């Protein structure tokens, strides 16, 4: 997933919200569950509940496609996202754009006003996370 809606809250009743929702998360987490259930079931526990939901499957190197998908996602789910933002216990809702790092001196990304306006009206933060380039190293001739 390149753009993911992330929702969390210390006292967010995630199962209650999702029971009446058309949203279909790819991950659900609950406060008090182990952070690493497979390797450390008795280890540190999660401090919040929430879920992650795909907003775009576009490639990490294609931010413009991610943005277009995110705008469609916000339009399609506007009423459910409004309900989510007002749901008791929700503390944070964000759209996290996974972006491929480019080999440049300074990397900047731009988000269009329509996305900013739509996300802002729904109380959704915009985040971008940089990931190393997925392009294979090309050997140079000796």
Protein backbone atom coordinates (compact mmCIF):
# COMPACT_ATOMS: atom_id res chain seq x y z
CA UNK A 1 0.00 0.00 0.00
CA UNK A 2 1.42 3.35 -0.93
CA UNK A 3 -1.23 5.62 0.65
CA UNK A 4 -2.88 4.42 3.83
CA UNK A 5 -5.54 5.95 6.06
CA UNK A 6 -4.37 5.46 9.65
CA UNK A 7 -6.76 5.82 12.58
CA UNK A 8 -6.00 5.51 16.28
CA UNK A 9 -7.03 6.51 19.77
CA UNK A 10 -6.25 5.38 23.31
CA UNK A 11 -9.94 4.84 24.04
CA UNK A 12 -11.19 4.16 20.50
CA UNK A 13 -13.68 1.26 20.42
CA UNK A 14 -12.44 0.11 17.02
CA UNK A 15 -14.65 -3.00 16.84
CA UNK A 16 -17.75 -0.97 17.68
CA UNK A 17 -16.99 1.54 14.94
CA UNK A 18 -16.18 -1.09 12.32
CA UNK A 19 -19.30 -3.15 13.12
CA UNK A 20 -21.42 -0.37 11.60
CA UNK A 21 -18.99 0.71 8.90
CA UNK A 22 -18.57 0.07 5.19
CA UNK A 23 -14.80 0.62 5.54
CA UNK A 24 -12.66 -2.50 5.14
CA UNK A 25 -9.32 -2.19 6.94
CA UNK A 26 -6.17 -4.12 6.07
CA UNK A 27 -5.05 -4.08 9.71
CA UNK A 28 -6.87 -3.70 13.04
CA UNK A 29 -5.11 -3.24 16.36
CA UNK A 30 -6.45 -3.05 19.90
CA UNK A 31 -5.11 -1.39 23.03
CA UNK A 32 -3.58 -3.96 25.36
CA UNK A 33 -2.71 -6.45 22.61
CA UNK A 34 0.97 -7.45 22.36
CA UNK A 35 3.06 -5.26 20.05
CA UNK A 36 4.82 -8.35 18.70
CA UNK A 37 2.32 -11.19 19.24
CA UNK A 38 4.30 -13.87 17.38
CA UNK A 39 7.73 -13.26 18.89
CA UNK A 40 6.90 -11.57 22.22
CA UNK A 41 3.32 -12.40 23.27
CA UNK A 42 4.09 -11.35 26.85
CA UNK A 43 6.13 -8.33 25.77
CA UNK A 44 5.15 -4.66 25.45
CA UNK A 45 1.47 -3.93 24.83
CA UNK A 46 -0.19 -1.52 22.41
CA UNK A 47 -1.27 1.77 23.98
CA UNK A 48 -3.98 2.57 21.43
CA UNK A 49 -6.59 0.95 19.22
CA UNK A 50 -7.15 1.64 15.55
CA UNK A 51 -6.94 0.44 12.00
CA UNK A 52 -5.25 1.00 8.67
CA UNK A 53 -7.16 1.26 5.40
CA UNK A 54 -5.76 1.44 1.85
CA UNK A 55 -6.47 4.69 0.01
CA UNK A 56 -4.21 4.01 -2.98
CA UNK A 57 -2.34 1.09 -4.50
CA UNK A 58 -0.31 3.31 -6.83
CA UNK A 59 3.43 2.80 -6.87
CA UNK A 60 5.67 4.59 -4.33
CA UNK A 61 7.30 6.40 -7.26
CA UNK A 62 3.96 7.75 -8.54
CA UNK A 63 2.81 10.38 -6.06
CA UNK A 64 0.41 11.99 -8.55
CA UNK A 65 -1.51 8.71 -8.94
CA UNK A 66 -1.58 8.31 -5.15
CA UNK A 67 -3.01 11.80 -4.82
CA UNK A 68 -5.68 11.17 -7.47
CA UNK A 69 -6.62 7.90 -5.74
CA UNK A 70 -6.73 9.62 -2.34
CA UNK A 71 -9.06 12.35 -3.64
CA UNK A 72 -11.40 9.66 -5.05
CA UNK A 73 -11.17 7.76 -1.75
CA UNK A 74 -12.14 10.87 0.25
CA UNK A 75 -15.02 11.61 -2.13
CA UNK A 76 -16.29 8.03 -2.03
CA UNK A 77 -16.11 7.68 1.76
CA UNK A 78 -16.85 11.25 2.84
CA UNK A 79 -19.88 10.46 5.01
CA UNK A 80 -18.18 7.49 6.70
CA UNK A 81 -15.00 9.52 7.32
CA UNK A 82 -17.12 12.30 8.84
CA UNK A 83 -18.68 9.73 11.19
CA UNK A 84 -15.21 8.38 11.97
CA UNK A 85 -13.79 11.79 12.87
CA UNK A 86 -16.66 12.35 15.33
CA UNK A 87 -16.56 8.83 16.81
CA UNK A 88 -15.70 8.77 20.54
CA UNK A 89 -12.09 7.96 21.28
CA UNK A 90 -10.67 8.76 17.83
CA UNK A 91 -7.61 10.93 18.41
CA UNK A 92 -5.81 10.77 15.09
CA UNK A 93 -6.82 10.22 11.47
CA UNK A 94 -4.15 10.62 8.81
CA UNK A 95 -3.45 9.85 5.17
CA UNK A 96 0.11 8.54 4.99
CA UNK A 97 1.62 8.75 1.50
CA UNK A 98 4.52 6.36 0.96
CA UNK A 99 6.97 8.15 -1.31
CA UNK A 100 10.09 6.80 -2.94
CA UNK A 101 13.23 8.71 -2.07
CA UNK A 102 14.88 10.23 -5.10
CA UNK A 103 18.60 10.81 -5.44
CA UNK A 104 18.43 14.60 -5.34
CA UNK A 105 20.01 17.25 -3.15
CA UNK A 106 16.64 18.22 -1.67
CA UNK A 107 13.37 16.38 -2.20
CA UNK A 108 10.13 18.30 -1.97
CA UNK A 109 6.61 17.12 -2.71
CA UNK A 110 3.47 19.15 -3.41
CA UNK A 111 -0.11 18.38 -2.49
CA UNK A 112 -2.93 20.09 -4.43
CA UNK A 113 -5.44 22.41 -2.75
CA UNK A 114 -8.35 20.03 -3.42
CA UNK A 115 -6.68 17.27 -1.38
CA UNK A 116 -5.69 19.71 1.37
CA UNK A 117 -9.20 21.14 1.51
CA UNK A 118 -10.96 17.76 1.53
CA UNK A 119 -8.63 16.27 4.16
CA UNK A 120 -8.79 19.41 6.29
CA UNK A 121 -12.60 19.51 6.20
CA UNK A 122 -12.64 15.90 7.42
CA UNK A 123 -10.04 16.52 10.13
CA UNK A 124 -7.50 14.28 8.40
CA UNK A 125 -3.78 14.94 8.68
CA UNK A 126 -1.50 14.50 5.66
CA UNK A 127 1.73 12.61 6.26
CA UNK A 128 4.39 11.45 3.90
CA UNK A 129 6.88 8.72 4.65
CA UNK A 130 10.02 8.42 2.55
CA UNK A 131 11.18 4.95 1.53
CA UNK A 132 14.48 3.98 -0.10
CA UNK A 133 14.39 3.69 -3.87
CA UNK A 134 13.30 0.29 -5.16
CA UNK A 135 15.33 0.65 -8.33
CA UNK A 136 18.05 -1.99 -8.65
CA UNK A 137 21.64 -0.82 -8.61
CA UNK A 138 22.96 -0.68 -12.14
CA UNK A 139 26.56 -1.85 -12.34
CA UNK A 140 28.94 0.57 -13.97
CA UNK A 141 31.48 -0.68 -16.53
CA UNK A 142 35.04 -0.94 -15.26
